[in-house]
């Protein structure tokens, strides 16, 4: 009979250990809350400390909003405007993130599949109307605007410095698109140990199935998925619509 070497035994042990760990994770894994709803535990846990929380508004720019189907767009922007107004009343810092490029797109590499295609459209150039934030949700005095050159809110920006300077440890965020800036920002912020909440009805994506999967199955692992009404209730707004 052939002798089993120590290396073979080690490999087998690692495989078995990995399989056992995966099975345990699967068994103990929390279930995602139902679509558009918080579980009872999550709803009780969601609170807002204005001194340690920031509201992150991402890519609500004219060019990007124009990519979203018109149906429901106006209502979404109206809800966002209400959330922003009430957040300011509650003294929660409001931080905008906008993607903009210099004329000629010197920041865009031809190897960047997403943004190299953008160059042909002429969109999101600094100083053009399309790159501006929708006036219905425009920044107000005291708000902070961060400009990025890539997808995620932390990539190529000083957002982390701003948050640390304000002693922020919780982010309530929303933006367009869900599969772009929202997904990238959730992943990055979770890795930096921020407490996160995603406002589902203030996010949009051209692919409704992608939107559903992210909100129902992906984000709940790293963030609390809430509605704008639930956020307003958490900051003390009564009869929030």
C-alpha atoms as a PDB file:
ATOM      1  CA  UNK A   1       0.000   0.000   0.000  1.00  0.00           C
ATOM      2  CA  UNK A   2       1.326   3.428  -0.910  1.00  0.00           C
ATOM      3  CA  UNK A   3       2.319   5.555   2.077  1.00  0.00           C
ATOM      4  CA  UNK A   4       0.379   8.828   2.472  1.00  0.00           C
ATOM      5  CA  UNK A   5       2.811  11.698   2.811  1.00  0.00           C
ATOM      6  CA  UNK A   6       2.537  14.458   5.396  1.00  0.00           C
ATOM      7  CA  UNK A   7       1.847  16.956   2.621  1.00  0.00           C
ATOM      8  CA  UNK A   8      -1.133  14.938   1.386  1.00  0.00           C
ATOM      9  CA  UNK A   9      -2.519  14.654   4.899  1.00  0.00           C
ATOM     10  CA  UNK A  10      -2.145  18.401   5.414  1.00  0.00           C
ATOM     11  CA  UNK A  11      -3.994  19.161   2.190  1.00  0.00           C
ATOM     12  CA  UNK A  12      -6.821  16.793   3.153  1.00  0.00           C
ATOM     13  CA  UNK A  13      -7.082  18.389   6.601  1.00  0.00           C
ATOM     14  CA  UNK A  14      -7.303  21.864   5.104  1.00  0.00           C
ATOM     15  CA  UNK A  15     -10.026  20.795   2.679  1.00  0.00           C
ATOM     16  CA  UNK A  16     -12.073  19.220   5.472  1.00  0.00           C
ATOM     17  CA  UNK A  17     -11.619  22.212   7.754  1.00  0.00           C
ATOM     18  CA  UNK A  18     -12.667  24.633   5.007  1.00  0.00           C
ATOM     19  CA  UNK A  19     -15.736  22.562   4.221  1.00  0.00           C
ATOM     20  CA  UNK A  20     -16.748  22.412   7.868  1.00  0.00           C
ATOM     21  CA  UNK A  21     -16.320  26.149   8.300  1.00  0.00           C
ATOM     22  CA  UNK A  22     -18.395  26.832   5.199  1.00  0.00           C
ATOM     23  CA  UNK A  23     -21.162  24.534   6.429  1.00  0.00           C
ATOM     24  CA  UNK A  24     -21.174  26.255   9.809  1.00  0.00           C
ATOM     25  CA  UNK A  25     -21.306  29.677   8.205  1.00  0.00           C
ATOM     26  CA  UNK A  26     -24.188  28.547   6.032  1.00  0.00           C
ATOM     27  CA  UNK A  27     -26.081  27.157   8.988  1.00  0.00           C
ATOM     28  CA  UNK A  28     -25.593  30.234  11.160  1.00  0.00           C
ATOM     29  CA  UNK A  29     -25.924  32.825   8.397  1.00  0.00           C
ATOM     30  CA  UNK A  30     -28.601  35.459   9.013  1.00  0.00           C
ATOM     31  CA  UNK A  31     -31.469  35.563   6.572  1.00  0.00           C
ATOM     32  CA  UNK A  32     -31.937  38.751   4.585  1.00  0.00           C
ATOM     33  CA  UNK A  33     -35.047  40.734   5.550  1.00  0.00           C
ATOM     34  CA  UNK A  34     -38.064  40.605   3.217  1.00  0.00           C
ATOM     35  CA  UNK A  35     -38.042  42.923   0.251  1.00  0.00           C
ATOM     36  CA  UNK A  36     -38.516  46.537   1.253  1.00  0.00           C
ATOM     37  CA  UNK A  37     -38.848  45.666   4.939  1.00  0.00           C
ATOM     38  CA  UNK A  38     -36.696  45.513   8.040  1.00  0.00           C
ATOM     39  CA  UNK A  39     -36.767  42.517  10.306  1.00  0.00           C
ATOM     40  CA  UNK A  40     -38.031  43.273  13.829  1.00  0.00           C
ATOM     41  CA  UNK A  41     -34.492  43.022  15.190  1.00  0.00           C
ATOM     42  CA  UNK A  42     -33.039  45.305  12.505  1.00  0.00           C
ATOM     43  CA  UNK A  43     -35.833  47.857  12.916  1.00  0.00           C
ATOM     44  CA  UNK A  44     -35.229  48.061  16.648  1.00  0.00           C
ATOM     45  CA  UNK A  45     -31.492  48.322  16.122  1.00  0.00           C
ATOM     46  CA  UNK A  46     -31.636  51.168  13.587  1.00  0.00           C
ATOM     47  CA  UNK A  47     -30.978  54.416  15.379  1.00  0.00           C
ATOM     48  CA  UNK A  48     -29.324  57.656  14.395  1.00  0.00           C
ATOM     49  CA  UNK A  49     -26.893  59.648  16.500  1.00  0.00           C
ATOM     50  CA  UNK A  50     -26.631  62.992  14.652  1.00  0.00           C
ATOM     51  CA  UNK A  51     -23.218  63.661  16.181  1.00  0.00           C
ATOM     52  CA  UNK A  52     -21.719  60.467  14.699  1.00  0.00           C
ATOM     53  CA  UNK A  53     -23.802  60.006  11.521  1.00  0.00           C
ATOM     54  CA  UNK A  54     -23.494  61.461   8.031  1.00  0.00           C
ATOM     55  CA  UNK A  55     -25.982  61.364   5.159  1.00  0.00           C
ATOM     56  CA  UNK A  56     -24.217  60.464   1.924  1.00  0.00           C
ATOM     57  CA  UNK A  57     -25.910  61.555  -1.334  1.00  0.00           C
ATOM     58  CA  UNK A  58     -24.171  60.023  -4.334  1.00  0.00           C
ATOM     59  CA  UNK A  59     -24.306  60.870  -8.045  1.00  0.00           C
ATOM     60  CA  UNK A  60     -27.691  62.644  -8.042  1.00  0.00           C
ATOM     61  CA  UNK A  61     -26.488  64.524 -11.112  1.00  0.00           C
ATOM     62  CA  UNK A  62     -28.493  65.548 -14.148  1.00  0.00           C
ATOM     63  CA  UNK A  63     -26.662  63.303 -16.626  1.00  0.00           C
ATOM     64  CA  UNK A  64     -26.994  60.280 -14.348  1.00  0.00           C
ATOM     65  CA  UNK A  65     -30.602  60.873 -13.317  1.00  0.00           C
ATOM     66  CA  UNK A  66     -31.406  61.063 -17.016  1.00  0.00           C
ATOM     67  CA  UNK A  67     -30.357  57.423 -17.410  1.00  0.00           C
ATOM     68  CA  UNK A  68     -33.028  56.246 -14.981  1.00  0.00           C
ATOM     69  CA  UNK A  69     -36.507  55.490 -16.372  1.00  0.00           C
ATOM     70  CA  UNK A  70     -38.770  58.499 -16.053  1.00  0.00           C
ATOM     71  CA  UNK A  71     -41.443  56.483 -14.279  1.00  0.00           C
ATOM     72  CA  UNK A  72     -40.902  57.017 -10.579  1.00  0.00           C
ATOM     73  CA  UNK A  73     -37.898  59.338 -11.013  1.00  0.00           C
ATOM     74  CA  UNK A  74     -39.683  62.521  -9.918  1.00  0.00           C
ATOM     75  CA  UNK A  75     -41.170  60.820  -6.852  1.00  0.00           C
ATOM     76  CA  UNK A  76     -37.754  59.458  -5.875  1.00  0.00           C
ATOM     77  CA  UNK A  77     -36.121  62.898  -6.108  1.00  0.00           C
ATOM     78  CA  UNK A  78     -38.985  64.397  -4.108  1.00  0.00           C
ATOM     79  CA  UNK A  79     -38.468  61.826  -1.344  1.00  0.00           C
ATOM     80  CA  UNK A  80     -34.742  62.565  -1.381  1.00  0.00           C
ATOM     81  CA  UNK A  81     -35.429  66.288  -1.019  1.00  0.00           C
ATOM     82  CA  UNK A  82     -37.578  65.607   2.053  1.00  0.00           C
ATOM     83  CA  UNK A  83     -34.917  63.391   3.615  1.00  0.00           C
ATOM     84  CA  UNK A  84     -32.266  66.050   3.045  1.00  0.00           C
ATOM     85  CA  UNK A  85     -34.408  68.814   4.529  1.00  0.00           C
ATOM     86  CA  UNK A  86     -35.177  66.817   7.654  1.00  0.00           C
ATOM     87  CA  UNK A  87     -31.582  65.613   8.045  1.00  0.00           C
ATOM     88  CA  UNK A  88     -30.379  69.208   8.063  1.00  0.00           C
ATOM     89  CA  UNK A  89     -32.985  70.085  10.694  1.00  0.00           C
ATOM     90  CA  UNK A  90     -31.648  67.213  12.799  1.00  0.00           C
ATOM     91  CA  UNK A  91     -28.117  68.602  12.354  1.00  0.00           C
ATOM     92  CA  UNK A  92     -26.903  65.509  10.523  1.00  0.00           C
ATOM     93  CA  UNK A  93     -23.987  66.380   8.220  1.00  0.00           C
ATOM     94  CA  UNK A  94     -24.940  66.093   4.540  1.00  0.00           C
ATOM     95  CA  UNK A  95     -22.169  65.051   2.172  1.00  0.00           C
ATOM     96  CA  UNK A  96     -22.580  64.950  -1.590  1.00  0.00           C
ATOM     97  CA  UNK A  97     -20.443  62.798  -3.852  1.00  0.00           C
ATOM     98  CA  UNK A  98     -20.339  63.690  -7.539  1.00  0.00           C
ATOM     99  CA  UNK A  99     -18.403  62.167 -10.427  1.00  0.00           C
ATOM    100  CA  UNK A 100     -16.874  64.771 -12.733  1.00  0.00           C
ATOM    101  CA  UNK A 101     -14.022  64.938 -15.228  1.00  0.00           C
ATOM    102  CA  UNK A 102     -11.876  67.719 -16.638  1.00  0.00           C
ATOM    103  CA  UNK A 103     -12.408  68.665 -20.297  1.00  0.00           C
ATOM    104  CA  UNK A 104     -10.755  66.008 -22.438  1.00  0.00           C
ATOM    105  CA  UNK A 105     -11.086  63.407 -19.672  1.00  0.00           C
ATOM    106  CA  UNK A 106      -7.394  63.316 -18.695  1.00  0.00           C
ATOM    107  CA  UNK A 107      -8.300  61.166 -15.674  1.00  0.00           C
ATOM    108  CA  UNK A 108      -9.705  58.347 -17.819  1.00  0.00           C
ATOM    109  CA  UNK A 109      -7.454  55.486 -18.866  1.00  0.00           C
ATOM    110  CA  UNK A 110      -8.213  53.657 -22.130  1.00  0.00           C
ATOM    111  CA  UNK A 111      -8.007  50.494 -20.014  1.00  0.00           C
ATOM    112  CA  UNK A 112     -10.991  51.619 -17.965  1.00  0.00           C
ATOM    113  CA  UNK A 113     -13.881  49.911 -19.741  1.00  0.00           C
ATOM    114  CA  UNK A 114     -16.623  51.928 -18.069  1.00  0.00           C
ATOM    115  CA  UNK A 115     -15.238  55.435 -18.295  1.00  0.00           C
ATOM    116  CA  UNK A 116     -13.447  55.129 -21.638  1.00  0.00           C
ATOM    117  CA  UNK A 117     -16.878  54.665 -23.175  1.00  0.00           C
ATOM    118  CA  UNK A 118     -18.083  57.757 -21.332  1.00  0.00           C
ATOM    119  CA  UNK A 119     -15.551  59.928 -23.181  1.00  0.00           C
ATOM    120  CA  UNK A 120     -17.483  59.435 -26.410  1.00  0.00           C
ATOM    121  CA  UNK A 121     -20.655  60.866 -24.865  1.00  0.00           C
ATOM    122  CA  UNK A 122     -19.218  64.110 -23.526  1.00  0.00           C
ATOM    123  CA  UNK A 123     -21.110  63.577 -20.271  1.00  0.00           C
ATOM    124  CA  UNK A 124     -20.116  64.531 -16.720  1.00  0.00           C
ATOM    125  CA  UNK A 125     -17.558  67.164 -17.697  1.00  0.00           C
ATOM    126  CA  UNK A 126     -16.859  69.754 -15.010  1.00  0.00           C
ATOM    127  CA  UNK A 127     -18.785  72.981 -15.582  1.00  0.00           C
ATOM    128  CA  UNK A 128     -21.464  71.456 -17.828  1.00  0.00           C
ATOM    129  CA  UNK A 129     -25.146  71.358 -16.786  1.00  0.00           C
ATOM    130  CA  UNK A 130     -25.219  67.568 -16.954  1.00  0.00           C
ATOM    131  CA  UNK A 131     -22.522  67.251 -14.322  1.00  0.00           C
ATOM    132  CA  UNK A 132     -24.409  69.431 -11.842  1.00  0.00           C
ATOM    133  CA  UNK A 133     -26.467  68.006  -8.987  1.00  0.00           C
ATOM    134  CA  UNK A 134     -30.212  68.120  -9.603  1.00  0.00           C
ATOM    135  CA  UNK A 135     -31.460  71.491  -8.304  1.00  0.00           C
ATOM    136  CA  UNK A 136     -34.283  69.807  -6.352  1.00  0.00           C
ATOM    137  CA  UNK A 137     -31.680  68.178  -4.102  1.00  0.00           C
ATOM    138  CA  UNK A 138     -28.866  70.696  -4.527  1.00  0.00           C
ATOM    139  CA  UNK A 139     -26.279  71.293  -1.776  1.00  0.00           C
ATOM    140  CA  UNK A 140     -27.078  73.998   0.747  1.00  0.00           C
ATOM    141  CA  UNK A 141     -24.673  76.204   2.724  1.00  0.00           C
ATOM    142  CA  UNK A 142     -22.831  74.028   5.191  1.00  0.00           C
ATOM    143  CA  UNK A 143     -23.106  70.858   3.118  1.00  0.00           C
ATOM    144  CA  UNK A 144     -19.942  69.199   1.836  1.00  0.00           C
ATOM    145  CA  UNK A 145     -19.331  68.235  -1.805  1.00  0.00           C
ATOM    146  CA  UNK A 146     -16.734  65.612  -2.712  1.00  0.00           C
ATOM    147  CA  UNK A 147     -15.657  65.097  -6.322  1.00  0.00           C
ATOM    148  CA  UNK A 148     -14.591  61.661  -7.519  1.00  0.00           C
ATOM    149  CA  UNK A 149     -13.027  60.334 -10.713  1.00  0.00           C
ATOM    150  CA  UNK A 150     -14.046  56.718 -10.307  1.00  0.00           C
ATOM    151  CA  UNK A 151     -17.110  54.701  -9.254  1.00  0.00           C
ATOM    152  CA  UNK A 152     -16.928  54.412  -5.461  1.00  0.00           C
ATOM    153  CA  UNK A 153     -17.344  57.375  -3.125  1.00  0.00           C
ATOM    154  CA  UNK A 154     -14.012  56.691  -1.404  1.00  0.00           C
ATOM    155  CA  UNK A 155     -11.952  56.069  -4.527  1.00  0.00           C
ATOM    156  CA  UNK A 156      -9.884  59.114  -5.668  1.00  0.00           C
ATOM    157  CA  UNK A 157     -11.513  61.345  -3.009  1.00  0.00           C
ATOM    158  CA  UNK A 158     -10.819  62.795   0.435  1.00  0.00           C
ATOM    159  CA  UNK A 159     -14.100  61.452   1.835  1.00  0.00           C
ATOM    160  CA  UNK A 160     -12.342  59.379   4.467  1.00  0.00           C
ATOM    161  CA  UNK A 161     -10.492  62.463   5.745  1.00  0.00           C
ATOM    162  CA  UNK A 162     -13.745  64.430   5.930  1.00  0.00           C
ATOM    163  CA  UNK A 163     -15.519  61.668   7.865  1.00  0.00           C
ATOM    164  CA  UNK A 164     -12.675  61.185  10.327  1.00  0.00           C
ATOM    165  CA  UNK A 165     -12.462  64.942  10.877  1.00  0.00           C
ATOM    166  CA  UNK A 166     -16.137  64.962  11.850  1.00  0.00           C
ATOM    167  CA  UNK A 167     -15.804  61.849  14.031  1.00  0.00           C
ATOM    168  CA  UNK A 168     -18.361  59.999  11.896  1.00  0.00           C
ATOM    169  CA  UNK A 169     -18.772  56.255  12.370  1.00  0.00           C
ATOM    170  CA  UNK A 170     -22.171  55.685  10.720  1.00  0.00           C
ATOM    171  CA  UNK A 171     -23.219  56.372   7.129  1.00  0.00           C
ATOM    172  CA  UNK A 172     -26.760  56.556   5.815  1.00  0.00           C
ATOM    173  CA  UNK A 173     -26.342  56.497   2.061  1.00  0.00           C
ATOM    174  CA  UNK A 174     -28.196  56.465  -1.222  1.00  0.00           C
ATOM    175  CA  UNK A 175     -27.347  57.100  -4.846  1.00  0.00           C
ATOM    176  CA  UNK A 176     -27.457  56.167  -8.503  1.00  0.00           C
ATOM    177  CA  UNK A 177     -26.746  53.617  -9.611  1.00  0.00           C
ATOM    178  CA  UNK A 178     -27.305  50.853  -7.088  1.00  0.00           C
ATOM    179  CA  UNK A 179     -24.933  48.489  -8.907  1.00  0.00           C
ATOM    180  CA  UNK A 180     -22.349  51.253  -9.275  1.00  0.00           C
ATOM    181  CA  UNK A 181     -21.626  53.859  -6.642  1.00  0.00           C
ATOM    182  CA  UNK A 182     -23.869  52.315  -3.968  1.00  0.00           C
ATOM    183  CA  UNK A 183     -22.393  48.825  -4.223  1.00  0.00           C
ATOM    184  CA  UNK A 184     -18.805  50.093  -4.425  1.00  0.00           C
ATOM    185  CA  UNK A 185     -19.269  52.430  -1.467  1.00  0.00           C
ATOM    186  CA  UNK A 186     -20.975  49.841   0.743  1.00  0.00           C
ATOM    187  CA  UNK A 187     -18.157  47.363   0.151  1.00  0.00           C
ATOM    188  CA  UNK A 188     -15.416  49.897   0.852  1.00  0.00           C
ATOM    189  CA  UNK A 189     -17.085  51.447   3.893  1.00  0.00           C
ATOM    190  CA  UNK A 190     -17.881  48.054   5.407  1.00  0.00           C
ATOM    191  CA  UNK A 191     -14.228  47.059   5.100  1.00  0.00           C
ATOM    192  CA  UNK A 192     -13.378  50.227   7.047  1.00  0.00           C
ATOM    193  CA  UNK A 193     -15.822  49.234   9.803  1.00  0.00           C
ATOM    194  CA  UNK A 194     -18.410  51.966   9.319  1.00  0.00           C
ATOM    195  CA  UNK A 195     -21.943  51.198  10.445  1.00  0.00           C
ATOM    196  CA  UNK A 196     -24.073  51.427   7.308  1.00  0.00           C
ATOM    197  CA  UNK A 197     -27.658  51.966   6.248  1.00  0.00           C
ATOM    198  CA  UNK A 198     -28.818  51.996   2.617  1.00  0.00           C
ATOM    199  CA  UNK A 199     -32.012  53.929   1.836  1.00  0.00           C
ATOM    200  CA  UNK A 200     -33.574  51.589  -0.697  1.00  0.00           C
ATOM    201  CA  UNK A 201     -36.252  53.819  -2.218  1.00  0.00           C
ATOM    202  CA  UNK A 202     -33.721  56.584  -2.888  1.00  0.00           C
ATOM    203  CA  UNK A 203     -31.515  54.284  -4.958  1.00  0.00           C
ATOM    204  CA  UNK A 204     -32.127  53.319  -8.572  1.00  0.00           C
ATOM    205  CA  UNK A 205     -30.651  51.107 -11.239  1.00  0.00           C
ATOM    206  CA  UNK A 206     -31.476  50.592 -14.899  1.00  0.00           C
ATOM    207  CA  UNK A 207     -31.728  46.859 -14.214  1.00  0.00           C
ATOM    208  CA  UNK A 208     -34.595  46.267 -11.779  1.00  0.00           C
ATOM    209  CA  UNK A 209     -33.535  42.674 -11.110  1.00  0.00           C
ATOM    210  CA  UNK A 210     -30.041  43.815 -10.117  1.00  0.00           C
ATOM    211  CA  UNK A 211     -31.646  46.390  -7.823  1.00  0.00           C
ATOM    212  CA  UNK A 212     -33.775  43.704  -6.178  1.00  0.00           C
ATOM    213  CA  UNK A 213     -30.923  41.243  -5.660  1.00  0.00           C
ATOM    214  CA  UNK A 214     -28.618  43.868  -4.163  1.00  0.00           C
ATOM    215  CA  UNK A 215     -31.234  45.199  -1.756  1.00  0.00           C
ATOM    216  CA  UNK A 216     -32.634  41.821  -0.734  1.00  0.00           C
ATOM    217  CA  UNK A 217     -29.629  39.507  -0.810  1.00  0.00           C
ATOM    218  CA  UNK A 218     -26.329  41.407  -0.940  1.00  0.00           C
ATOM    219  CA  UNK A 219     -26.504  44.620   1.084  1.00  0.00           C
ATOM    220  CA  UNK A 220     -28.119  43.100   4.224  1.00  0.00           C
ATOM    221  CA  UNK A 221     -24.851  41.264   4.923  1.00  0.00           C
ATOM    222  CA  UNK A 222     -23.024  44.549   5.477  1.00  0.00           C
ATOM    223  CA  UNK A 223     -25.684  47.221   5.920  1.00  0.00           C
ATOM    224  CA  UNK A 224     -29.176  47.815   7.234  1.00  0.00           C
ATOM    225  CA  UNK A 225     -31.554  48.313   4.311  1.00  0.00           C
ATOM    226  CA  UNK A 226     -34.215  50.877   5.175  1.00  0.00           C
ATOM    227  CA  UNK A 227     -36.752  53.102   3.445  1.00  0.00           C
ATOM    228  CA  UNK A 228     -36.800  56.880   3.487  1.00  0.00           C
ATOM    229  CA  UNK A 229     -39.811  56.732   5.821  1.00  0.00           C
ATOM    230  CA  UNK A 230     -37.883  54.571   8.280  1.00  0.00           C
ATOM    231  CA  UNK A 231     -34.984  57.015   8.225  1.00  0.00           C
ATOM    232  CA  UNK A 232     -37.301  59.943   8.907  1.00  0.00           C
ATOM    233  CA  UNK A 233     -38.923  58.064  11.772  1.00  0.00           C
ATOM    234  CA  UNK A 234     -35.489  57.302  13.237  1.00  0.00           C
ATOM    235  CA  UNK A 235     -34.606  61.010  13.360  1.00  0.00           C
ATOM    236  CA  UNK A 236     -37.897  61.908  15.005  1.00  0.00           C
ATOM    237  CA  UNK A 237     -40.024  63.078  12.073  1.00  0.00           C
ATOM    238  CA  UNK A 238     -43.627  62.247  12.889  1.00  0.00           C
ATOM    239  CA  UNK A 239     -46.092  60.965  10.300  1.00  0.00           C
ATOM    240  CA  UNK A 240     -43.257  60.515   7.782  1.00  0.00           C
ATOM    241  CA  UNK A 241     -44.564  59.771   4.296  1.00  0.00           C
END
